[in-house]
Every structure is written in C-alpha cells, then in structure tokens.
PDB file of N, CA and C in Angstrom:
ATOM      1  N   GLU A   1     -20.905  10.337  -2.324  1.00  0.00           N
ATOM      2  CA  GLU A   1     -21.452  11.250  -1.981  1.00  0.00           C
ATOM      3  C   GLU A   1     -20.488  12.192  -0.243  1.00  0.00           C
ATOM      4  N   ARG A   2     -20.157  11.121   0.157  1.00  0.00           N
ATOM      5  CA  ARG A   2     -19.112  11.018   0.934  1.00  0.00           C
ATOM      6  C   ARG A   2     -17.712  10.394   0.894  1.00  0.00           C
ATOM      7  N   GLY A   3     -17.769   9.661   0.150  1.00  0.00           N
ATOM      8  CA  GLY A   3     -16.460   9.299  -0.845  1.00  0.00           C
ATOM      9  C   GLY A   3     -15.400   8.656   0.117  1.00  0.00           C
ATOM     10  N   VAL A   4     -14.490   7.981  -0.401  1.00  0.00           N
ATOM     11  CA  VAL A   4     -13.621   6.700  -0.186  1.00  0.00           C
ATOM     12  C   VAL A   4     -12.264   6.932  -0.887  1.00  0.00           C
ATOM     13  N   ARG A   5     -11.501   6.468   0.136  1.00  0.00           N
ATOM     14  CA  ARG A   5     -10.428   6.261  -0.328  1.00  0.00           C
ATOM     15  C   ARG A   5      -9.717   5.364  -0.175  1.00  0.00           C
ATOM     16  N   PHE A   6      -8.654   4.725  -0.878  1.00  0.00           N
ATOM     17  CA  PHE A   6      -8.054   3.099  -1.048  1.00  0.00           C
ATOM     18  C   PHE A   6      -6.176   3.632  -0.841  1.00  0.00           C
ATOM     19  N   ILE A   7      -5.924   3.032   0.316  1.00  0.00           N
ATOM     20  CA  ILE A   7      -4.395   3.421   0.962  1.00  0.00           C
ATOM     21  C   ILE A   7      -3.714   1.532   0.172  1.00  0.00           C
ATOM     22  N   ALA A   8      -2.127   1.697   0.132  1.00  0.00           N
ATOM     23  CA  ALA A   8      -1.767   1.065   0.024  1.00  0.00           C
ATOM     24  C   ALA A   8      -0.407   0.811   0.925  1.00  0.00           C
ATOM     25  N   CYS A   9      -0.017   0.111   1.112  1.00  0.00           N
ATOM     26  CA  CYS A   9       0.990   0.008   2.566  1.00  0.00           C
ATOM     27  C   CYS A   9       1.935  -0.464   1.601  1.00  0.00           C
ATOM     28  N   GLN A  10       3.073   0.705   1.934  1.00  0.00           N
ATOM     29  CA  GLN A  10       4.789   0.523   0.906  1.00  0.00           C
ATOM     30  C   GLN A  10       5.766  -0.537   2.263  1.00  0.00           C
ATOM     31  N   ARG A  11       5.450  -0.455   3.522  1.00  0.00           N
ATOM     32  CA  ARG A  11       6.110  -1.687   3.849  1.00  0.00           C
ATOM     33  C   ARG A  11       5.666  -3.020   3.344  1.00  0.00           C
ATOM     34  N   SER A  12       4.391  -3.314   3.331  1.00  0.00           N
ATOM     35  CA  SER A  12       3.711  -4.603   2.877  1.00  0.00           C
ATOM     36  C   SER A  12       4.087  -4.840   1.526  1.00  0.00           C
ATOM     37  N   ILE A  13       4.013  -4.085   0.388  1.00  0.00           N
ATOM     38  CA  ILE A  13       4.837  -3.751  -0.745  1.00  0.00           C
ATOM     39  C   ILE A  13       6.716  -4.430  -0.486  1.00  0.00           C
ATOM     40  N   ARG A  14       6.781  -3.575  -0.032  1.00  0.00           N
ATOM     41  CA  ARG A  14       8.250  -3.741   0.212  1.00  0.00           C
ATOM     42  C   ARG A  14       8.712  -5.474   0.647  1.00  0.00           C
ATOM     43  N   ARG A  15       7.656  -5.597   1.755  1.00  0.00           N
ATOM     44  CA  ARG A  15       8.005  -7.189   1.820  1.00  0.00           C
ATOM     45  C   ARG A  15       7.576  -8.276   0.992  1.00  0.00           C
ATOM     46  N   LEU A  16       6.264  -7.988   0.513  1.00  0.00           N
ATOM     47  CA  LEU A  16       5.800  -8.849  -0.553  1.00  0.00           C
ATOM     48  C   LEU A  16       6.759  -8.526  -1.988  1.00  0.00           C
ATOM     49  N   SER A  17       7.827  -7.942  -2.075  1.00  0.00           N
ATOM     50  CA  SER A  17       8.455  -8.195  -3.582  1.00  0.00           C
ATOM     51  C   SER A  17       9.633  -8.667  -2.927  1.00  0.00           C
ATOM     52  N   GLY A  18       9.756  -8.818  -1.397  1.00  0.00           N
ATOM     53  CA  GLY A  18      11.188  -9.957  -1.541  1.00  0.00           C
ATOM     54  C   GLY A  18      10.579 -11.437  -1.678  1.00  0.00           C
ATOM     55  N   GLU A  19       9.359 -11.493  -1.335  1.00  0.00           N
ATOM     56  CA  GLU A  19       9.103 -12.775  -1.488  1.00  0.00           C
ATOM     57  C   GLU A  19       8.869 -13.231  -3.333  1.00  0.00           C
ATOM     58  N   LEU A  20       8.305 -12.032  -3.852  1.00  0.00           N
ATOM     59  CA  LEU A  20       8.688 -11.948  -5.056  1.00  0.00           C
ATOM     60  C   LEU A  20       9.944 -12.415  -6.166  1.00  0.00           C
ATOM     61  N   ALA A  21      10.609 -12.021  -5.605  1.00  0.00           N
ATOM     62  CA  ALA A  21      12.249 -11.634  -6.009  1.00  0.00           C
ATOM     63  C   ALA A  21      12.294 -13.112  -6.875  1.00  0.00           C
ATOM     64  N   ASN A  22      13.471 -13.371  -7.293  1.00  0.00           N
ATOM     65  CA  ASN A  22      13.945 -14.570  -7.960  1.00  0.00           C
ATOM     66  C   ASN A  22      14.967 -14.645  -8.221  1.00  0.00           C
ATOM     67  N   GLY A  23      15.864 -15.134  -9.175  1.00  0.00           N
ATOM     68  CA  GLY A  23      17.732 -15.299  -9.549  1.00  0.00           C
ATOM     69  C   GLY A  23      17.239 -14.478 -10.866  1.00  0.00           C
ATOM     70  N   ASN A  24      16.624 -13.795 -11.117  1.00  0.00           N
ATOM     71  CA  ASN A  24      16.640 -13.224 -12.403  1.00  0.00           C
ATOM     72  C   ASN A  24      15.350 -10.622 -12.355  1.00  0.00           C
ATOM     73  N   VAL A  25      14.851 -11.377 -10.917  1.00  0.00           N
ATOM     74  CA  VAL A  25      14.388 -10.063 -10.910  1.00  0.00           C
ATOM     75  C   VAL A  25      14.642  -9.817  -9.383  1.00  0.00           C
ATOM     76  N   GLY A  26      15.488  -9.092  -9.295  1.00  0.00           N
ATOM     77  CA  GLY A  26      15.105  -8.198  -7.875  1.00  0.00           C
ATOM     78  C   GLY A  26      14.341  -7.673  -7.215  1.00  0.00           C
ATOM     79  N   ALA A  27      14.479  -7.822  -5.358  1.00  0.00           N
ATOM     80  CA  ALA A  27      13.755  -6.920  -4.802  1.00  0.00           C
ATOM     81  C   ALA A  27      12.593  -5.515  -5.054  1.00  0.00           C
ATOM     82  N   GLU A  28      14.227  -4.974  -6.000  1.00  0.00           N
ATOM     83  CA  GLU A  28      13.560  -3.365  -5.488  1.00  0.00           C
ATOM     84  C   GLU A  28      13.050  -2.968  -6.491  1.00  0.00           C
ATOM     85  N   GLU A  29      13.139  -3.928  -8.184  1.00  0.00           N
ATOM     86  CA  GLU A  29      12.695  -4.039  -9.659  1.00  0.00           C
ATOM     87  C   GLU A  29      10.955  -4.239  -9.329  1.00  0.00           C
ATOM     88  N   VAL A  30      10.877  -5.634  -8.927  1.00  0.00           N
ATOM     89  CA  VAL A  30       9.734  -5.727  -8.053  1.00  0.00           C
ATOM     90  C   VAL A  30       8.598  -4.964  -7.633  1.00  0.00           C
ATOM     91  N   ARG A  31       8.586  -4.191  -6.332  1.00  0.00           N
ATOM     92  CA  ARG A  31       8.558  -3.443  -5.803  1.00  0.00           C
ATOM     93  C   ARG A  31       8.319  -2.128  -6.910  1.00  0.00           C
ATOM     94  N   LEU A  32       8.998  -1.565  -7.870  1.00  0.00           N
ATOM     95  CA  LEU A  32       8.819  -0.756  -8.645  1.00  0.00           C
ATOM     96  C   LEU A  32       7.820  -0.617  -9.181  1.00  0.00           C
ATOM     97  N   GLU A  33       7.788  -1.980  -9.935  1.00  0.00           N
ATOM     98  CA  GLU A  33       6.945  -2.749 -10.704  1.00  0.00           C
ATOM     99  C   GLU A  33       5.433  -2.900  -9.821  1.00  0.00           C
ATOM    100  N   LEU A  34       4.688  -3.280  -8.780  1.00  0.00           N
ATOM    101  CA  LEU A  34       3.827  -3.070  -7.982  1.00  0.00           C
ATOM    102  C   LEU A  34       3.841  -1.544  -7.818  1.00  0.00           C
ATOM    103  N   LEU A  35       4.224  -1.230  -7.443  1.00  0.00           N
ATOM    104  CA  LEU A  35       3.994   0.213  -7.336  1.00  0.00           C
ATOM    105  C   LEU A  35       3.394   1.142  -8.335  1.00  0.00           C
ATOM    106  N   GLY A  36       4.124   1.285  -9.579  1.00  0.00           N
ATOM    107  CA  GLY A  36       4.203   1.322 -10.679  1.00  0.00           C
ATOM    108  C   GLY A  36       2.660   1.270 -11.708  1.00  0.00           C
ATOM    109  N   ASN A  37       2.044  -0.266 -10.867  1.00  0.00           N
ATOM    110  CA  ASN A  37       0.372  -0.701 -11.062  1.00  0.00           C
ATOM    111  C   ASN A  37      -0.362  -0.860 -10.522  1.00  0.00           C
ATOM    112  N   LEU A  38      -0.354   0.148  -9.728  1.00  0.00           N
ATOM    113  CA  LEU A  38      -1.355   0.440  -8.322  1.00  0.00           C
ATOM    114  C   LEU A  38      -2.489   0.796  -9.124  1.00  0.00           C
ATOM    115  N   LEU A  39      -3.887   0.598  -8.661  1.00  0.00           N
ATOM    116  CA  LEU A  39      -5.051   0.665  -9.277  1.00  0.00           C
ATOM    117  C   LEU A  39      -5.073   2.427  -9.763  1.00  0.00           C
ATOM    118  N   PRO A  40      -5.545   3.025 -10.675  1.00  0.00           N
ATOM    119  CA  PRO A  40      -5.823   4.727 -11.059  1.00  0.00           C
ATOM    120  C   PRO A  40      -6.236   5.219  -9.031  1.00  0.00           C
ATOM    121  N   GLY A  41      -5.697   5.996  -8.685  1.00  0.00           N
ATOM    122  CA  GLY A  41      -6.652   6.603  -7.318  1.00  0.00           C
ATOM    123  C   GLY A  41      -5.734   5.698  -5.862  1.00  0.00           C
ATOM    124  N   VAL A  42      -5.176   4.931  -6.402  1.00  0.00           N
ATOM    125  CA  VAL A  42      -4.764   4.232  -4.928  1.00  0.00           C
ATOM    126  C   VAL A  42      -2.888   4.579  -4.242  1.00  0.00           C
ATOM    127  N   ILE A  43      -3.050   5.126  -3.460  1.00  0.00           N
ATOM    128  CA  ILE A  43      -2.543   6.005  -2.471  1.00  0.00           C
ATOM    129  C   ILE A  43      -1.386   5.453  -2.105  1.00  0.00           C
ATOM    130  N   PRO A  44      -0.440   5.417  -2.560  1.00  0.00           N
ATOM    131  CA  PRO A  44       0.994   4.632  -1.341  1.00  0.00           C
ATOM    132  C   PRO A  44       1.139   5.766  -0.087  1.00  0.00           C
ATOM    133  N   VAL A  45       1.141   4.538   1.180  1.00  0.00           N
ATOM    134  CA  VAL A  45       1.319   5.315   2.179  1.00  0.00           C
ATOM    135  C   VAL A  45       2.425   4.831   2.757  1.00  0.00           C
ATOM    136  N   PRO A  46       3.502   5.752   3.927  1.00  0.00           N
ATOM    137  CA  PRO A  46       4.895   4.173   4.575  1.00  0.00           C
ATOM    138  C   PRO A  46       4.105   3.588   5.189  1.00  0.00           C
ATOM    139  N   ALA A  47       3.433   3.722   6.272  1.00  0.00           N
ATOM    140  CA  ALA A  47       3.024   2.240   6.880  1.00  0.00           C
ATOM    141  C   ALA A  47       1.028   2.437   7.020  1.00  0.00           C
ATOM    142  N   MET A  48       0.837   1.293   7.247  1.00  0.00           N
ATOM    143  CA  MET A  48      -0.437   1.818   7.519  1.00  0.00           C
ATOM    144  C   MET A  48      -1.214   2.214   9.393  1.00  0.00           C
ATOM    145  N   ILE A  49      -0.516   1.969   9.205  1.00  0.00           N
ATOM    146  CA  ILE A  49      -0.692   2.016  10.918  1.00  0.00           C
ATOM    147  C   ILE A  49      -0.614   3.317  10.646  1.00  0.00           C
ATOM    148  N   VAL A  50      -0.039   4.167  10.736  1.00  0.00           N
ATOM    149  CA  VAL A  50       0.395   5.355  10.523  1.00  0.00           C
ATOM    150  C   VAL A  50      -1.085   5.967   9.940  1.00  0.00           C
ATOM    151  N   ALA A  51      -0.962   5.638   8.636  1.00  0.00           N
ATOM    152  CA  ALA A  51      -2.379   5.972   7.864  1.00  0.00           C
ATOM    153  C   ALA A  51      -3.876   6.245   8.610  1.00  0.00           C
ATOM    154  N   VAL A  52      -4.059   4.218   9.261  1.00  0.00           N
ATOM    155  CA  VAL A  52      -5.021   4.506  10.138  1.00  0.00           C
ATOM    156  C   VAL A  52      -5.021   5.321  11.176  1.00  0.00           C
ATOM    157  N   ASN A  53      -4.146   5.781  11.960  1.00  0.00           N
ATOM    158  CA  ASN A  53      -4.142   6.390  13.021  1.00  0.00           C
ATOM    159  C   ASN A  53      -4.799   7.522  12.528  1.00  0.00           C
ATOM    160  N   ARG A  54      -3.833   8.448  11.741  1.00  0.00           N
ATOM    161  CA  ARG A  54      -4.541   9.997  11.269  1.00  0.00           C
ATOM    162  C   ARG A  54      -5.803   9.661  10.776  1.00  0.00           C
ATOM    163  N   ALA A  55      -6.437   8.722  10.323  1.00  0.00           N
ATOM    164  CA  ALA A  55      -7.802   8.749   9.533  1.00  0.00           C
ATOM    165  C   ALA A  55      -9.084   8.741  10.465  1.00  0.00           C
ATOM    166  N   HIS A  56      -8.547   7.918  11.893  1.00  0.00           N
ATOM    167  CA  HIS A  56      -9.497   8.390  13.246  1.00  0.00           C
ATOM    168  C   HIS A  56      -9.019   9.528  14.003  1.00  0.00           C
ATOM    169  N   GLU A  57      -8.580  10.029  13.979  1.00  0.00           N
ATOM    170  CA  GLU A  57      -7.955  11.262  13.866  1.00  0.00           C
ATOM    171  C   GLU A  57      -8.914  12.079  13.293  1.00  0.00           C
ATOM    172  N   ALA A  58      -8.931  12.311  12.349  1.00  0.00           N
ATOM    173  CA  ALA A  58      -9.517  12.964  11.774  1.00  0.00           C
ATOM    174  C   ALA A  58     -11.547  12.755  11.870  1.00  0.00           C
ATOM    175  N   GLY A  59     -11.449  11.512  12.153  1.00  0.00           N
ATOM    176  CA  GLY A  59     -12.461  10.734  12.290  1.00  0.00           C
ATOM    177  C   GLY A  59     -13.754  10.276  11.379  1.00  0.00           C
ATOM    178  N   LEU A  60     -12.245   9.767  10.756  1.00  0.00           N
ATOM    179  CA  LEU A  60     -12.882   8.981   9.256  1.00  0.00           C
ATOM    180  C   LEU A  60     -12.731   7.626  10.054  1.00  0.00           C
ATOM    181  N   SER A  61     -13.370   6.642   9.253  1.00  0.00           N
ATOM    182  CA  SER A  61     -13.366   5.066   9.548  1.00  0.00           C
ATOM    183  C   SER A  61     -12.706   3.839   8.918  1.00  0.00           C
ATOM    184  N   TYR A  62     -12.329   3.154   8.790  1.00  0.00           N
ATOM    185  CA  TYR A  62     -11.079   2.368   8.174  1.00  0.00           C
ATOM    186  C   TYR A  62     -12.066   1.071   8.492  1.00  0.00           C
ATOM    187  N   ALA A  63     -11.904   0.328   6.762  1.00  0.00           N
ATOM    188  CA  ALA A  63     -12.549  -1.636   6.897  1.00  0.00           C
ATOM    189  C   ALA A  63     -11.580  -1.915   6.218  1.00  0.00           C
ATOM    190  N   TYR A  64     -11.524  -3.221   6.576  1.00  0.00           N
ATOM    191  CA  TYR A  64     -10.530  -4.220   6.381  1.00  0.00           C
ATOM    192  C   TYR A  64     -10.911  -5.333   5.840  1.00  0.00           C
ATOM    193  N   ILE A  65     -11.262  -5.582   4.530  1.00  0.00           N
ATOM    194  CA  ILE A  65     -11.703  -6.499   3.968  1.00  0.00           C
ATOM    195  C   ILE A  65     -10.508  -7.376   3.351  1.00  0.00           C
ATOM    196  N   GLY A  66     -10.027  -8.435   3.656  1.00  0.00           N
ATOM    197  CA  GLY A  66      -9.041  -8.969   3.017  1.00  0.00           C
ATOM    198  C   GLY A  66      -8.859 -10.536   3.802  1.00  0.00           C
TER     199      GLY A  66
END
C-alpha cells in the first residue's frame, strides 16, 4: 500500500565491473551485463547519494541492509 522502490547505484556497478573484469571480458562488457540483469523493477540511478538526498527531500526514508 505504501510502496517500496529498489534502486541500484551505477557508480558502484561501474566500480564492481572493473573488479570483475579479466583478460577475456572487459569492464564495460561486465557493466552492461550487470545492468541488463537487474531484477525487474530495480531502477539504476547515477549516484546513490543523490537518490537518497532526493528521497529525503520528498519525505521518504532510506534503509541500507547489507
């Protein structure tokens, strides 16, 4: 009823892509694979800090579980 939104930080995905890349697969290919396989409904955002600030401005809360 109140709803929930799940977001994924593209900055973190880019960093993770560089860590997962190897001699056979480049970081950009890994990044595209990760973005292409997000769970349905997960919204990629440019930077988590901006998304959190905008959510707070809109009166929403943020919970980090990890």
